[in-house]
N, C-alpha and C. Protein backbone atom coordinates (compact mmCIF):
# COMPACT_ATOMS: atom_id res chain seq x y z
N MET A 1 118.22 116.23 113.77
CA MET A 1 117.33 115.86 113.36
C MET A 1 117.64 114.77 113.13
N PRO A 2 116.21 113.78 113.74
CA PRO A 2 116.37 112.20 114.15
C PRO A 2 116.15 112.15 112.75
N ARG A 3 116.73 110.74 112.47
CA ARG A 3 116.95 110.09 111.51
C ARG A 3 115.16 109.59 110.66
N LEU A 4 114.18 108.96 111.53
CA LEU A 4 113.18 109.50 110.82
C LEU A 4 112.71 110.69 110.25
N ALA A 5 112.86 111.94 111.04
CA ALA A 5 112.23 112.77 110.33
C ALA A 5 112.67 112.96 109.71
N PHE A 6 113.96 112.33 108.65
CA PHE A 6 114.52 112.49 107.66
C PHE A 6 114.36 111.98 106.55
N TYR A 7 114.07 110.71 107.01
CA TYR A 7 113.61 109.60 106.00
C TYR A 7 111.92 110.66 105.63
N ALA A 8 110.99 110.87 106.79
CA ALA A 8 110.12 111.54 106.28
C ALA A 8 110.01 113.16 105.31
N LEU A 9 111.05 113.25 105.96
CA LEU A 9 111.12 114.35 105.00
C LEU A 9 111.62 114.41 103.56
N ALA A 10 112.38 113.73 103.54
CA ALA A 10 112.68 113.14 101.62
C ALA A 10 111.26 112.88 101.01
N VAL A 11 110.58 111.42 102.07
CA VAL A 11 108.96 111.57 101.64
C VAL A 11 108.26 112.41 100.65
N CYS A 12 108.23 113.58 101.80
CA CYS A 12 107.85 114.43 101.28
C CYS A 12 107.58 114.96 100.31
N VAL A 13 109.06 115.48 100.42
CA VAL A 13 109.72 116.87 98.59
C VAL A 13 109.53 115.33 97.94
N LEU A 14 109.52 114.07 97.67
CA LEU A 14 109.66 113.06 96.33
C LEU A 14 107.78 113.25 96.62
N SER A 15 107.09 112.54 97.17
CA SER A 15 105.86 113.04 97.17
C SER A 15 104.95 114.36 96.44
N ALA A 16 105.97 115.83 96.87
CA ALA A 16 105.36 116.74 96.54
C ALA A 16 105.80 117.10 94.71
N VAL A 17 106.34 116.19 94.58
CA VAL A 17 107.61 116.59 92.94
C VAL A 17 106.75 115.55 92.30
N ALA A 18 105.83 114.53 92.53
CA ALA A 18 105.55 113.56 91.98
C ALA A 18 103.87 113.67 91.95
N ALA A 19 103.06 115.04 92.49
CA ALA A 19 102.42 115.55 92.71
C ALA A 19 102.11 116.73 91.43
N VAL A 20 103.64 117.36 91.13
CA VAL A 20 103.56 118.78 90.67
C VAL A 20 103.81 117.54 89.01
N VAL A 21 103.98 116.71 89.16
CA VAL A 21 104.96 115.91 87.94
C VAL A 21 103.23 115.66 87.13
N SER A 22 102.37 114.64 87.86
CA SER A 22 100.95 114.35 88.19
C SER A 22 100.57 114.49 87.39
N PHE A 23 100.01 116.25 87.65
CA PHE A 23 99.42 117.13 87.17
C PHE A 23 99.57 118.37 85.96
N VAL A 24 101.14 117.97 85.87
CA VAL A 24 101.31 119.04 84.92
C VAL A 24 101.07 117.65 83.85
N GLN A 25 100.95 116.90 83.69
CA GLN A 25 100.99 115.76 82.71
C GLN A 25 99.40 115.69 82.64
N GLY A 26 98.66 115.67 83.64
CA GLY A 26 97.17 115.78 83.06
C GLY A 26 96.64 114.66 84.10
N ASN A 27 97.34 113.86 84.78
CA ASN A 27 97.22 112.71 84.83
C ASN A 27 96.07 113.35 86.77
N TRP A 28 95.09 112.44 87.48
CA TRP A 28 94.53 113.71 87.87
C TRP A 28 94.55 112.01 89.62
N LEU A 29 95.58 112.02 89.02
CA LEU A 29 96.42 110.55 90.43
C LEU A 29 97.63 111.10 91.44
N GLY A 30 97.79 112.93 91.32
CA GLY A 30 98.38 114.07 91.91
C GLY A 30 97.81 114.19 93.42
N ILE A 31 96.94 113.40 93.12
CA ILE A 31 95.37 114.34 94.30
C ILE A 31 96.33 112.52 96.28
N VAL A 32 96.49 111.91 95.19
CA VAL A 32 96.97 111.06 96.11
C VAL A 32 98.54 111.00 96.85
N TRP A 33 99.06 112.19 95.58
CA TRP A 33 100.06 112.24 95.83
C TRP A 33 100.92 113.34 97.07
N VAL A 34 99.85 114.38 96.93
CA VAL A 34 99.44 115.52 97.53
C VAL A 34 99.36 114.94 99.12
N LEU A 35 98.58 113.62 98.53
CA LEU A 35 97.86 113.52 100.56
C LEU A 35 99.04 112.59 101.52
N LEU A 36 99.74 112.20 100.30
CA LEU A 36 100.99 111.99 100.90
C LEU A 36 102.00 112.32 101.18
N ALA A 37 101.83 113.32 100.81
CA ALA A 37 103.31 114.58 100.85
C ALA A 37 102.16 115.08 102.76
N GLY A 38 101.42 115.69 102.37
CA GLY A 38 100.72 116.00 103.91
C GLY A 38 101.25 115.24 104.98
N VAL A 39 100.65 114.35 104.86
CA VAL A 39 101.09 112.92 106.05
C VAL A 39 102.27 112.71 106.81
N SER A 40 103.26 112.74 104.82
CA SER A 40 104.86 113.03 105.59
C SER A 40 105.22 113.91 106.13
N SER A 41 104.33 114.96 105.55
CA SER A 41 105.16 116.54 107.27
C SER A 41 104.25 116.87 108.05
N ASN A 42 103.28 115.90 108.08
CA ASN A 42 103.42 115.69 110.00
C ASN A 42 103.69 115.29 110.40
N MET A 43 104.42 114.11 110.09
CA MET A 43 105.18 112.73 110.12
C MET A 43 106.26 113.24 110.86
N THR A 44 106.93 114.21 110.16
CA THR A 44 108.46 114.73 110.26
C THR A 44 108.31 116.35 110.89
N TRP A 45 107.09 116.72 110.70
CA TRP A 45 107.34 117.67 112.13
C TRP A 45 106.57 116.73 113.55
N TYR A 46 106.43 115.53 113.66
CA TYR A 46 106.29 115.18 115.37
C TYR A 46 107.10 114.56 115.38
N TYR A 47 107.95 114.07 114.80
CA TYR A 47 110.09 113.44 115.10
C TYR A 47 110.29 114.44 114.97
N VAL A 48 110.65 115.34 114.54
CA VAL A 48 111.54 116.53 114.61
C VAL A 48 111.04 117.34 116.53
N ARG A 49 110.25 117.47 116.53
CA ARG A 49 109.77 117.50 118.06
C ARG A 49 109.52 116.97 118.55
N ARG A 50 109.43 114.95 118.31
CA ARG A 50 109.99 114.20 120.04
C ARG A 50 111.63 114.40 119.91
N GLY A 51 112.41 114.78 119.29
CA GLY A 51 114.12 114.91 118.97
C GLY A 51 113.61 115.74 120.12
N ARG A 52 113.44 117.22 119.35
CA ARG A 52 114.18 117.59 120.24
C ARG A 52 113.51 117.97 122.05
N SER A 53 112.62 116.88 122.07
CA SER A 53 111.98 117.21 123.50
C SER A 53 112.70 116.14 124.84
N GLY A 54 113.39 115.24 123.12
CA GLY A 54 114.34 114.07 124.23
C GLY A 54 113.38 112.90 124.42
N GLY A 55 112.02 112.90 124.39
CA GLY A 55 110.77 112.39 124.51
C GLY A 55 110.52 110.43 124.10
N ARG A 56 111.93 109.49 123.91
CA ARG A 56 112.02 108.40 123.68
C ARG A 56 110.92 107.09 125.04
N SER A 57 109.89 107.70 125.10
CA SER A 57 108.90 106.91 125.78
C SER A 57 108.39 105.62 124.37
N VAL A 58 108.55 104.63 125.08
CA VAL A 58 107.73 103.37 123.73
C VAL A 58 106.93 103.21 125.23
N THR A 59 105.04 102.67 124.32
CA THR A 59 104.35 102.56 124.73
C THR A 59 103.67 101.00 124.27
N GLY A 60 103.09 100.75 124.52
CA GLY A 60 102.46 99.34 124.06
C GLY A 60 102.34 98.61 125.07
C-alpha cells in the first residue's frame, strides 16, 4: 500500500470515529466529519489503484 493511501486511510478512520463521538454527544458538527471521511475514503481508493497500476505520471 502506498504511503499516501495509508495516511488517507488513517484520516478516514479517525474522522469516522470523530463523527460517531460527535453524534453520540448530540453535536450536529458530526456532519462535517462524515463528509471528511467520504473524501478521504475516495482518496484512499485513488492512491491504492494508482499504486497497483504503477502510474507515477506527473501532470502540471
